[in-house]
């Protein structure tokens, strides 16, 4: 912020002076580190009245529809079968991960900007993220969302990090939440993969079945999608593959048998491997 202080007039200085003294400008010291953004007025402080409004990344084809369900879905419980007896340090770590449904909903709402949000990066560190689930079991862009929304005639909203209170050591970060009035239930998720190839026929994670491009169940992305459905409590996810010239969208439904088989491996990996590595790294960092 710049404060301008006009020079006081003396007895010999009148308003008719054709060469008035310039104002004295002073830059407030505590505001030197302001985050400036471009505007039609030039660089202005972020959040000021002159700052241009942020453009929503949501694609709403059905205005006035009911608000998207809170994630994880209210009343949905994530069954926990793995037996593990932690030591004192492990128990303290697991206690620090616990969240209520209110906190879980707040985290999802506050991390919808994903990689552009510092909280999104911070929250992901102690949890096992769904995008890694496929690797463990085997020990995107705005334009894509717009194309998907228009082609499939659905409403798309940003989604933050999903942490279920029953399993706070796991987390998922889908690309979007979806409303489709022709689907029962109408609420689902979307996951977008942008590939640097000409068309979907060159995409390695897809296979053509009866003329339709489908995600291979052996691919890590299938594990990722099922992990997102497991933690959110939702029943379906549209998997979008975007290329230079075309894109394809496949609706993947929740597979309970697949999720149950994965969960044992998620829990074993986290409690017996990942947590100890995380605590060891934390101890090294504190010693520096």
C-alpha atoms as a PDB file:
ATOM      1  CA  UNK A   1       0.000   0.000   0.000  1.00  0.00           C
ATOM      2  CA  UNK A   2       1.288   3.475  -0.878  1.00  0.00           C
ATOM      3  CA  UNK A   3       0.432   6.415   1.370  1.00  0.00           C
ATOM      4  CA  UNK A   4       0.640   9.885  -0.170  1.00  0.00           C
ATOM      5  CA  UNK A   5       1.131  12.902   2.072  1.00  0.00           C
ATOM      6  CA  UNK A   6       0.787  16.342   0.430  1.00  0.00           C
ATOM      7  CA  UNK A   7       3.336  19.050   1.245  1.00  0.00           C
ATOM      8  CA  UNK A   8       1.893  21.646   3.632  1.00  0.00           C
ATOM      9  CA  UNK A   9       1.511  25.132   2.244  1.00  0.00           C
ATOM     10  CA  UNK A  10       3.599  27.937   3.685  1.00  0.00           C
ATOM     11  CA  UNK A  11       2.644  31.586   3.902  1.00  0.00           C
ATOM     12  CA  UNK A  12       4.523  32.232   0.676  1.00  0.00           C
ATOM     13  CA  UNK A  13       2.988  29.270  -1.138  1.00  0.00           C
ATOM     14  CA  UNK A  14      -0.410  29.823  -2.710  1.00  0.00           C
ATOM     15  CA  UNK A  15      -2.749  27.538  -4.639  1.00  0.00           C
ATOM     16  CA  UNK A  16      -2.116  29.600  -7.778  1.00  0.00           C
ATOM     17  CA  UNK A  17       1.464  28.370  -7.975  1.00  0.00           C
ATOM     18  CA  UNK A  18       1.977  26.893 -11.439  1.00  0.00           C
ATOM     19  CA  UNK A  19       4.709  24.554 -10.204  1.00  0.00           C
ATOM     20  CA  UNK A  20       3.316  22.826  -7.101  1.00  0.00           C
ATOM     21  CA  UNK A  21       5.537  20.547  -5.032  1.00  0.00           C
ATOM     22  CA  UNK A  22       4.925  16.809  -5.605  1.00  0.00           C
ATOM     23  CA  UNK A  23       3.402  14.682  -2.864  1.00  0.00           C
ATOM     24  CA  UNK A  24       5.681  12.699  -0.600  1.00  0.00           C
ATOM     25  CA  UNK A  25       5.250   8.931  -1.148  1.00  0.00           C
ATOM     26  CA  UNK A  26       6.015   6.451   1.582  1.00  0.00           C
ATOM     27  CA  UNK A  27       5.895   2.649   1.172  1.00  0.00           C
ATOM     28  CA  UNK A  28       4.658   0.950   4.328  1.00  0.00           C
ATOM     29  CA  UNK A  29       7.417  -1.401   5.472  1.00  0.00           C
ATOM     30  CA  UNK A  30       5.201  -4.298   6.599  1.00  0.00           C
ATOM     31  CA  UNK A  31       3.515  -4.491   3.177  1.00  0.00           C
ATOM     32  CA  UNK A  32       6.674  -4.791   1.083  1.00  0.00           C
ATOM     33  CA  UNK A  33       6.181  -8.557   0.665  1.00  0.00           C
ATOM     34  CA  UNK A  34       2.723  -8.302  -0.877  1.00  0.00           C
ATOM     35  CA  UNK A  35       1.715 -10.849  -3.502  1.00  0.00           C
ATOM     36  CA  UNK A  36       1.007  -8.759  -6.615  1.00  0.00           C
ATOM     37  CA  UNK A  37      -1.172  -9.916  -9.504  1.00  0.00           C
ATOM     38  CA  UNK A  38      -1.700  -8.385 -12.933  1.00  0.00           C
ATOM     39  CA  UNK A  39      -4.831  -6.348 -13.595  1.00  0.00           C
ATOM     40  CA  UNK A  40      -6.005  -3.733 -16.083  1.00  0.00           C
ATOM     41  CA  UNK A  41      -4.627  -1.157 -13.633  1.00  0.00           C
ATOM     42  CA  UNK A  42      -1.218  -2.814 -13.559  1.00  0.00           C
ATOM     43  CA  UNK A  43       0.149  -4.936 -10.666  1.00  0.00           C
ATOM     44  CA  UNK A  44      -2.178  -4.817  -7.625  1.00  0.00           C
ATOM     45  CA  UNK A  45      -2.147  -6.640  -4.240  1.00  0.00           C
ATOM     46  CA  UNK A  46      -3.895 -10.012  -4.275  1.00  0.00           C
ATOM     47  CA  UNK A  47      -7.289  -9.708  -2.587  1.00  0.00           C
ATOM     48  CA  UNK A  48      -7.600  -5.945  -3.119  1.00  0.00           C
ATOM     49  CA  UNK A  49     -10.632  -4.312  -4.726  1.00  0.00           C
ATOM     50  CA  UNK A  50      -8.668  -3.871  -7.958  1.00  0.00           C
ATOM     51  CA  UNK A  51      -7.683  -7.564  -8.046  1.00  0.00           C
ATOM     52  CA  UNK A  52      -9.509  -9.406 -10.858  1.00  0.00           C
ATOM     53  CA  UNK A  53     -11.885 -12.111  -9.559  1.00  0.00           C
ATOM     54  CA  UNK A  54     -10.678 -15.686  -9.778  1.00  0.00           C
ATOM     55  CA  UNK A  55     -12.335 -17.706 -12.534  1.00  0.00           C
ATOM     56  CA  UNK A  56     -14.213 -20.744 -11.286  1.00  0.00           C
ATOM     57  CA  UNK A  57     -12.946 -24.057 -12.613  1.00  0.00           C
ATOM     58  CA  UNK A  58     -16.340 -25.642 -12.102  1.00  0.00           C
ATOM     59  CA  UNK A  59     -18.416 -26.505 -15.175  1.00  0.00           C
ATOM     60  CA  UNK A  60     -22.066 -26.262 -14.157  1.00  0.00           C
ATOM     61  CA  UNK A  61     -24.563 -27.553 -16.718  1.00  0.00           C
ATOM     62  CA  UNK A  62     -27.352 -27.936 -14.157  1.00  0.00           C
ATOM     63  CA  UNK A  63     -27.625 -24.791 -12.010  1.00  0.00           C
ATOM     64  CA  UNK A  64     -29.906 -25.030  -9.013  1.00  0.00           C
ATOM     65  CA  UNK A  65     -29.282 -28.736  -8.372  1.00  0.00           C
ATOM     66  CA  UNK A  66     -28.868 -29.982  -4.780  1.00  0.00           C
ATOM     67  CA  UNK A  67     -25.492 -29.290  -3.198  1.00  0.00           C
ATOM     68  CA  UNK A  68     -22.972 -32.067  -3.710  1.00  0.00           C
ATOM     69  CA  UNK A  69     -22.908 -34.568  -0.878  1.00  0.00           C
ATOM     70  CA  UNK A  70     -20.280 -34.036   1.815  1.00  0.00           C
ATOM     71  CA  UNK A  71     -17.303 -36.333   1.297  1.00  0.00           C
ATOM     72  CA  UNK A  72     -16.844 -38.895   2.672  1.00  0.00           C
ATOM     73  CA  UNK A  73     -20.574 -39.627   2.298  1.00  0.00           C
ATOM     74  CA  UNK A  74     -22.412 -39.154   5.601  1.00  0.00           C
ATOM     75  CA  UNK A  75     -23.255 -42.464   7.277  1.00  0.00           C
ATOM     76  CA  UNK A  76     -20.719 -44.403   5.200  1.00  0.00           C
ATOM     77  CA  UNK A  77     -18.233 -46.470   7.221  1.00  0.00           C
ATOM     78  CA  UNK A  78     -14.972 -47.848   5.925  1.00  0.00           C
ATOM     79  CA  UNK A  79     -14.475 -51.308   7.424  1.00  0.00           C
ATOM     80  CA  UNK A  80     -11.155 -51.880   9.144  1.00  0.00           C
ATOM     81  CA  UNK A  81      -9.955 -55.497   9.374  1.00  0.00           C
ATOM     82  CA  UNK A  82      -6.182 -55.353   9.683  1.00  0.00           C
ATOM     83  CA  UNK A  83      -4.825 -56.247  13.142  1.00  0.00           C
ATOM     84  CA  UNK A  84      -1.802 -54.252  14.223  1.00  0.00           C
ATOM     85  CA  UNK A  85      -0.244 -53.560  17.633  1.00  0.00           C
ATOM     86  CA  UNK A  86       1.719 -50.283  17.388  1.00  0.00           C
ATOM     87  CA  UNK A  87       4.598 -49.308  19.624  1.00  0.00           C
ATOM     88  CA  UNK A  88       4.520 -46.013  21.509  1.00  0.00           C
ATOM     89  CA  UNK A  89       5.877 -43.839  18.670  1.00  0.00           C
ATOM     90  CA  UNK A  90       3.622 -45.483  16.121  1.00  0.00           C
ATOM     91  CA  UNK A  91       0.610 -45.047  18.404  1.00  0.00           C
ATOM     92  CA  UNK A  92       1.371 -41.329  18.824  1.00  0.00           C
ATOM     93  CA  UNK A  93       1.653 -40.954  15.063  1.00  0.00           C
ATOM     94  CA  UNK A  94      -1.644 -42.757  14.434  1.00  0.00           C
ATOM     95  CA  UNK A  95      -3.382 -40.629  17.070  1.00  0.00           C
ATOM     96  CA  UNK A  96      -2.128 -37.475  15.323  1.00  0.00           C
ATOM     97  CA  UNK A  97      -3.801 -38.576  12.083  1.00  0.00           C
ATOM     98  CA  UNK A  98      -7.291 -38.919  13.541  1.00  0.00           C
ATOM     99  CA  UNK A  99      -9.945 -36.567  12.175  1.00  0.00           C
ATOM    100  CA  UNK A 100     -13.640 -36.011  12.824  1.00  0.00           C
ATOM    101  CA  UNK A 101     -16.191 -35.890  10.008  1.00  0.00           C
ATOM    102  CA  UNK A 102     -16.327 -32.112  10.385  1.00  0.00           C
ATOM    103  CA  UNK A 103     -12.548 -31.764  10.010  1.00  0.00           C
ATOM    104  CA  UNK A 104     -12.551 -34.223   7.112  1.00  0.00           C
ATOM    105  CA  UNK A 105     -15.196 -32.153   5.298  1.00  0.00           C
ATOM    106  CA  UNK A 106     -13.233 -28.949   5.966  1.00  0.00           C
ATOM    107  CA  UNK A 107     -10.031 -30.454   4.545  1.00  0.00           C
ATOM    108  CA  UNK A 108     -11.869 -31.484   1.368  1.00  0.00           C
ATOM    109  CA  UNK A 109     -13.347 -27.998   0.945  1.00  0.00           C
ATOM    110  CA  UNK A 110     -10.075 -26.152   1.626  1.00  0.00           C
ATOM    111  CA  UNK A 111      -7.899 -28.242  -0.726  1.00  0.00           C
ATOM    112  CA  UNK A 112      -9.923 -28.068  -3.949  1.00  0.00           C
ATOM    113  CA  UNK A 113      -7.208 -26.021  -5.669  1.00  0.00           C
ATOM    114  CA  UNK A 114      -5.023 -29.130  -5.232  1.00  0.00           C
ATOM    115  CA  UNK A 115      -1.358 -28.498  -6.168  1.00  0.00           C
ATOM    116  CA  UNK A 116      -1.918 -24.715  -6.086  1.00  0.00           C
ATOM    117  CA  UNK A 117      -2.852 -24.964  -2.403  1.00  0.00           C
ATOM    118  CA  UNK A 118      -0.192 -25.255   0.326  1.00  0.00           C
ATOM    119  CA  UNK A 119      -2.603 -27.163   2.585  1.00  0.00           C
ATOM    120  CA  UNK A 120      -3.070 -29.783  -0.159  1.00  0.00           C
ATOM    121  CA  UNK A 121       0.683 -30.455  -0.180  1.00  0.00           C
ATOM    122  CA  UNK A 122       0.933 -30.457   3.627  1.00  0.00           C
ATOM    123  CA  UNK A 123      -2.006 -32.803   4.272  1.00  0.00           C
ATOM    124  CA  UNK A 124      -0.798 -35.418   1.771  1.00  0.00           C
ATOM    125  CA  UNK A 125       2.564 -36.058   3.477  1.00  0.00           C
ATOM    126  CA  UNK A 126       1.587 -38.429   6.336  1.00  0.00           C
ATOM    127  CA  UNK A 127      -1.158 -40.278   4.417  1.00  0.00           C
ATOM    128  CA  UNK A 128      -0.960 -42.996   1.801  1.00  0.00           C
ATOM    129  CA  UNK A 129      -2.463 -41.415  -1.345  1.00  0.00           C
ATOM    130  CA  UNK A 130      -4.802 -43.319  -3.673  1.00  0.00           C
ATOM    131  CA  UNK A 131      -2.585 -42.676  -6.705  1.00  0.00           C
ATOM    132  CA  UNK A 132       0.037 -44.984  -5.105  1.00  0.00           C
ATOM    133  CA  UNK A 133      -2.358 -47.846  -4.325  1.00  0.00           C
ATOM    134  CA  UNK A 134      -1.647 -49.735  -7.560  1.00  0.00           C
ATOM    135  CA  UNK A 135       2.114 -49.718  -6.990  1.00  0.00           C
ATOM    136  CA  UNK A 136       1.668 -50.965  -3.423  1.00  0.00           C
ATOM    137  CA  UNK A 137      -0.537 -53.872  -4.474  1.00  0.00           C
ATOM    138  CA  UNK A 138       2.116 -54.875  -6.972  1.00  0.00           C
ATOM    139  CA  UNK A 139       5.239 -54.392  -4.506  1.00  0.00           C
ATOM    140  CA  UNK A 140      -5.282 -32.917 -16.108  1.00  0.00           C
ATOM    141  CA  UNK A 141      -6.251 -29.883 -17.134  1.00  0.00           C
ATOM    142  CA  UNK A 142      -9.120 -27.409 -17.206  1.00  0.00           C
ATOM    143  CA  UNK A 143      -9.731 -27.963 -20.927  1.00  0.00           C
ATOM    144  CA  UNK A 144     -10.216 -31.690 -20.362  1.00  0.00           C
ATOM    145  CA  UNK A 145     -12.832 -31.039 -17.677  1.00  0.00           C
ATOM    146  CA  UNK A 146     -14.686 -28.592 -19.913  1.00  0.00           C
ATOM    147  CA  UNK A 147     -14.699 -31.025 -22.849  1.00  0.00           C
ATOM    148  CA  UNK A 148     -15.909 -33.832 -20.598  1.00  0.00           C
ATOM    149  CA  UNK A 149     -18.634 -31.651 -19.058  1.00  0.00           C
ATOM    150  CA  UNK A 150     -19.970 -30.575 -22.460  1.00  0.00           C
ATOM    151  CA  UNK A 151     -19.695 -33.967 -24.167  1.00  0.00           C
ATOM    152  CA  UNK A 152     -21.271 -35.980 -21.323  1.00  0.00           C
ATOM    153  CA  UNK A 153     -23.687 -33.197 -20.285  1.00  0.00           C
ATOM    154  CA  UNK A 154     -22.742 -33.246 -16.610  1.00  0.00           C
ATOM    155  CA  UNK A 155     -21.848 -30.668 -13.965  1.00  0.00           C
ATOM    156  CA  UNK A 156     -18.248 -30.786 -12.740  1.00  0.00           C
ATOM    157  CA  UNK A 157     -16.923 -29.261  -9.503  1.00  0.00           C
ATOM    158  CA  UNK A 158     -13.437 -29.253  -8.022  1.00  0.00           C
ATOM    159  CA  UNK A 159     -12.638 -31.814  -5.339  1.00  0.00           C
ATOM    160  CA  UNK A 160     -10.184 -31.626  -2.467  1.00  0.00           C
ATOM    161  CA  UNK A 161      -8.457 -34.309  -0.397  1.00  0.00           C
ATOM    162  CA  UNK A 162     -10.761 -36.998   1.006  1.00  0.00           C
ATOM    163  CA  UNK A 163      -9.815 -38.543   4.371  1.00  0.00           C
ATOM    164  CA  UNK A 164     -12.214 -41.015   5.981  1.00  0.00           C
ATOM    165  CA  UNK A 165     -12.295 -40.842   9.814  1.00  0.00           C
ATOM    166  CA  UNK A 166     -12.319 -44.666   9.937  1.00  0.00           C
ATOM    167  CA  UNK A 167      -9.013 -44.822   8.020  1.00  0.00           C
ATOM    168  CA  UNK A 168      -7.136 -41.520   8.537  1.00  0.00           C
ATOM    169  CA  UNK A 169      -3.875 -43.097   7.333  1.00  0.00           C
ATOM    170  CA  UNK A 170      -5.314 -43.202   3.797  1.00  0.00           C
ATOM    171  CA  UNK A 171      -6.278 -40.302   1.528  1.00  0.00           C
ATOM    172  CA  UNK A 172      -7.592 -39.689  -1.971  1.00  0.00           C
ATOM    173  CA  UNK A 173      -7.542 -36.603  -4.174  1.00  0.00           C
ATOM    174  CA  UNK A 174      -9.899 -37.035  -7.168  1.00  0.00           C
ATOM    175  CA  UNK A 175      -9.776 -34.429  -9.921  1.00  0.00           C
ATOM    176  CA  UNK A 176     -13.467 -33.537  -9.651  1.00  0.00           C
ATOM    177  CA  UNK A 177     -16.919 -34.249  -8.277  1.00  0.00           C
ATOM    178  CA  UNK A 178     -19.643 -34.903 -10.850  1.00  0.00           C
ATOM    179  CA  UNK A 179     -23.424 -34.479 -10.965  1.00  0.00           C
ATOM    180  CA  UNK A 180     -25.266 -36.518 -13.599  1.00  0.00           C
ATOM    181  CA  UNK A 181     -29.095 -36.337 -13.303  1.00  0.00           C
ATOM    182  CA  UNK A 182     -29.491 -39.372 -15.584  1.00  0.00           C
ATOM    183  CA  UNK A 183     -27.440 -41.607 -13.285  1.00  0.00           C
ATOM    184  CA  UNK A 184     -28.605 -43.293 -10.060  1.00  0.00           C
ATOM    185  CA  UNK A 185     -27.087 -42.222  -7.742  1.00  0.00           C
ATOM    186  CA  UNK A 186     -26.483 -38.870  -9.513  1.00  0.00           C
ATOM    187  CA  UNK A 187     -23.272 -37.941  -7.655  1.00  0.00           C
ATOM    188  CA  UNK A 188     -19.881 -39.401  -8.566  1.00  0.00           C
ATOM    189  CA  UNK A 189     -16.228 -38.562  -9.193  1.00  0.00           C
ATOM    190  CA  UNK A 190     -13.999 -37.836 -12.189  1.00  0.00           C
ATOM    191  CA  UNK A 191     -10.328 -38.608 -12.743  1.00  0.00           C
ATOM    192  CA  UNK A 192      -8.484 -37.072 -15.719  1.00  0.00           C
ATOM    193  CA  UNK A 193      -5.279 -38.336 -17.334  1.00  0.00           C
ATOM    194  CA  UNK A 194      -3.692 -36.165 -20.038  1.00  0.00           C
ATOM    195  CA  UNK A 195      -1.461 -38.189 -22.379  1.00  0.00           C
ATOM    196  CA  UNK A 196       1.219 -36.867 -24.731  1.00  0.00           C
ATOM    197  CA  UNK A 197       0.056 -38.952 -27.715  1.00  0.00           C
ATOM    198  CA  UNK A 198      -1.976 -38.237 -30.848  1.00  0.00           C
ATOM    199  CA  UNK A 199      -5.100 -40.284 -30.059  1.00  0.00           C
ATOM    200  CA  UNK A 200      -6.529 -42.833 -27.613  1.00  0.00           C
ATOM    201  CA  UNK A 201      -5.385 -45.778 -29.750  1.00  0.00           C
ATOM    202  CA  UNK A 202      -1.811 -44.985 -28.630  1.00  0.00           C
ATOM    203  CA  UNK A 203      -2.598 -44.834 -24.892  1.00  0.00           C
ATOM    204  CA  UNK A 204      -0.960 -47.729 -23.026  1.00  0.00           C
ATOM    205  CA  UNK A 205      -3.382 -47.877 -20.084  1.00  0.00           C
ATOM    206  CA  UNK A 206      -6.403 -48.418 -22.372  1.00  0.00           C
ATOM    207  CA  UNK A 207      -7.652 -51.501 -24.199  1.00  0.00           C
ATOM    208  CA  UNK A 208     -10.343 -51.618 -26.893  1.00  0.00           C
ATOM    209  CA  UNK A 209     -13.335 -53.842 -26.061  1.00  0.00           C
ATOM    210  CA  UNK A 210     -16.203 -54.047 -28.583  1.00  0.00           C
ATOM    211  CA  UNK A 211     -15.030 -50.796 -30.139  1.00  0.00           C
ATOM    212  CA  UNK A 212     -14.916 -48.970 -26.790  1.00  0.00           C
ATOM    213  CA  UNK A 213     -11.691 -47.795 -25.107  1.00  0.00           C
ATOM    214  CA  UNK A 214     -11.574 -49.207 -21.567  1.00  0.00           C
ATOM    215  CA  UNK A 215      -9.145 -48.844 -18.671  1.00  0.00           C
ATOM    216  CA  UNK A 216      -7.125 -51.997 -18.051  1.00  0.00           C
ATOM    217  CA  UNK A 217      -7.842 -53.432 -14.600  1.00  0.00           C
ATOM    218  CA  UNK A 218      -4.158 -54.294 -14.263  1.00  0.00           C
ATOM    219  CA  UNK A 219      -3.201 -50.619 -14.562  1.00  0.00           C
ATOM    220  CA  UNK A 220      -2.393 -48.533 -11.471  1.00  0.00           C
ATOM    221  CA  UNK A 221      -5.077 -46.014 -12.474  1.00  0.00           C
ATOM    222  CA  UNK A 222      -7.781 -48.632 -11.891  1.00  0.00           C
ATOM    223  CA  UNK A 223      -6.471 -49.133  -8.345  1.00  0.00           C
ATOM    224  CA  UNK A 224      -6.435 -45.361  -7.890  1.00  0.00           C
ATOM    225  CA  UNK A 225     -10.068 -44.992  -8.964  1.00  0.00           C
ATOM    226  CA  UNK A 226     -11.260 -47.856  -6.748  1.00  0.00           C
ATOM    227  CA  UNK A 227      -9.333 -46.308  -3.845  1.00  0.00           C
ATOM    228  CA  UNK A 228     -11.101 -42.986  -4.390  1.00  0.00           C
ATOM    229  CA  UNK A 229     -14.487 -44.722  -4.390  1.00  0.00           C
ATOM    230  CA  UNK A 230     -13.544 -46.700  -1.270  1.00  0.00           C
ATOM    231  CA  UNK A 231     -12.668 -43.591   0.754  1.00  0.00           C
ATOM    232  CA  UNK A 232     -15.450 -41.330  -0.543  1.00  0.00           C
ATOM    233  CA  UNK A 233     -18.321 -43.814  -0.274  1.00  0.00           C
ATOM    234  CA  UNK A 234     -19.493 -42.985  -3.813  1.00  0.00           C
ATOM    235  CA  UNK A 235     -20.541 -45.597  -6.370  1.00  0.00           C
ATOM    236  CA  UNK A 236     -18.954 -44.484  -9.660  1.00  0.00           C
ATOM    237  CA  UNK A 237     -16.143 -42.481 -11.212  1.00  0.00           C
ATOM    238  CA  UNK A 238     -15.777 -41.256 -14.798  1.00  0.00           C
ATOM    239  CA  UNK A 239     -12.217 -41.937 -15.975  1.00  0.00           C
ATOM    240  CA  UNK A 240     -11.238 -39.448 -18.697  1.00  0.00           C
ATOM    241  CA  UNK A 241      -8.229 -39.950 -20.962  1.00  0.00           C
ATOM    242  CA  UNK A 242      -7.276 -36.828 -22.932  1.00  0.00           C
ATOM    243  CA  UNK A 243      -4.913 -36.818 -25.943  1.00  0.00           C
ATOM    244  CA  UNK A 244      -3.795 -34.284 -28.572  1.00  0.00           C
ATOM    245  CA  UNK A 245      -6.756 -34.947 -30.884  1.00  0.00           C
ATOM    246  CA  UNK A 246      -9.473 -36.708 -28.871  1.00  0.00           C
ATOM    247  CA  UNK A 247     -10.555 -37.974 -25.486  1.00  0.00           C
ATOM    248  CA  UNK A 248     -12.557 -40.833 -24.019  1.00  0.00           C
ATOM    249  CA  UNK A 249     -14.628 -41.147 -20.850  1.00  0.00           C
ATOM    250  CA  UNK A 250     -15.390 -44.472 -19.174  1.00  0.00           C
ATOM    251  CA  UNK A 251     -17.689 -44.901 -16.186  1.00  0.00           C
ATOM    252  CA  UNK A 252     -16.041 -47.165 -13.616  1.00  0.00           C
ATOM    253  CA  UNK A 253     -18.337 -48.584 -10.939  1.00  0.00           C
ATOM    254  CA  UNK A 254     -17.377 -49.442  -7.394  1.00  0.00           C
ATOM    255  CA  UNK A 255     -16.046 -52.996  -7.053  1.00  0.00           C
ATOM    256  CA  UNK A 256     -16.436 -54.171  -3.446  1.00  0.00           C
ATOM    257  CA  UNK A 257     -14.530 -57.423  -3.953  1.00  0.00           C
ATOM    258  CA  UNK A 258     -11.619 -55.568  -5.542  1.00  0.00           C
ATOM    259  CA  UNK A 259     -11.602 -52.956  -2.744  1.00  0.00           C
ATOM    260  CA  UNK A 260     -11.592 -55.618  -0.010  1.00  0.00           C
ATOM    261  CA  UNK A 261      -8.624 -57.368  -1.600  1.00  0.00           C
ATOM    262  CA  UNK A 262      -6.731 -54.067  -1.891  1.00  0.00           C
ATOM    263  CA  UNK A 263      -7.428 -52.833   1.622  1.00  0.00           C
ATOM    264  CA  UNK A 264      -5.442 -55.594   3.313  1.00  0.00           C
ATOM    265  CA  UNK A 265      -2.408 -54.631   1.211  1.00  0.00           C
ATOM    266  CA  UNK A 266      -2.846 -50.884   1.845  1.00  0.00           C
ATOM    267  CA  UNK A 267      -2.965 -51.429   5.606  1.00  0.00           C
ATOM    268  CA  UNK A 268      -0.068 -53.905   5.684  1.00  0.00           C
ATOM    269  CA  UNK A 269       2.146 -51.571   3.644  1.00  0.00           C
ATOM    270  CA  UNK A 270       1.306 -48.504   5.735  1.00  0.00           C
ATOM    271  CA  UNK A 271       1.717 -50.086   9.193  1.00  0.00           C
ATOM    272  CA  UNK A 272       4.743 -52.258   8.443  1.00  0.00           C
ATOM    273  CA  UNK A 273       6.716 -50.140   5.964  1.00  0.00           C
ATOM    274  CA  UNK A 274       5.484 -46.638   5.174  1.00  0.00           C
ATOM    275  CA  UNK A 275       4.884 -45.426   8.741  1.00  0.00           C
ATOM    276  CA  UNK A 276       8.362 -46.417   9.959  1.00  0.00           C
ATOM    277  CA  UNK A 277       9.993 -44.684   6.984  1.00  0.00           C
ATOM    278  CA  UNK A 278       7.897 -41.574   7.647  1.00  0.00           C
ATOM    279  CA  UNK A 279       8.820 -41.484  11.346  1.00  0.00           C
ATOM    280  CA  UNK A 280      12.504 -42.056  10.534  1.00  0.00           C
ATOM    281  CA  UNK A 281      12.509 -39.154   8.060  1.00  0.00           C
ATOM    282  CA  UNK A 282      10.781 -36.951  10.627  1.00  0.00           C
ATOM    283  CA  UNK A 283      13.443 -37.771  13.240  1.00  0.00           C
ATOM    284  CA  UNK A 284      16.265 -36.937  10.798  1.00  0.00           C
ATOM    285  CA  UNK A 285      14.607 -33.627   9.928  1.00  0.00           C
ATOM    286  CA  UNK A 286      14.321 -32.658  13.619  1.00  0.00           C
ATOM    287  CA  UNK A 287      17.998 -33.450  14.220  1.00  0.00           C
ATOM    288  CA  UNK A 288      19.167 -31.071  11.492  1.00  0.00           C
END
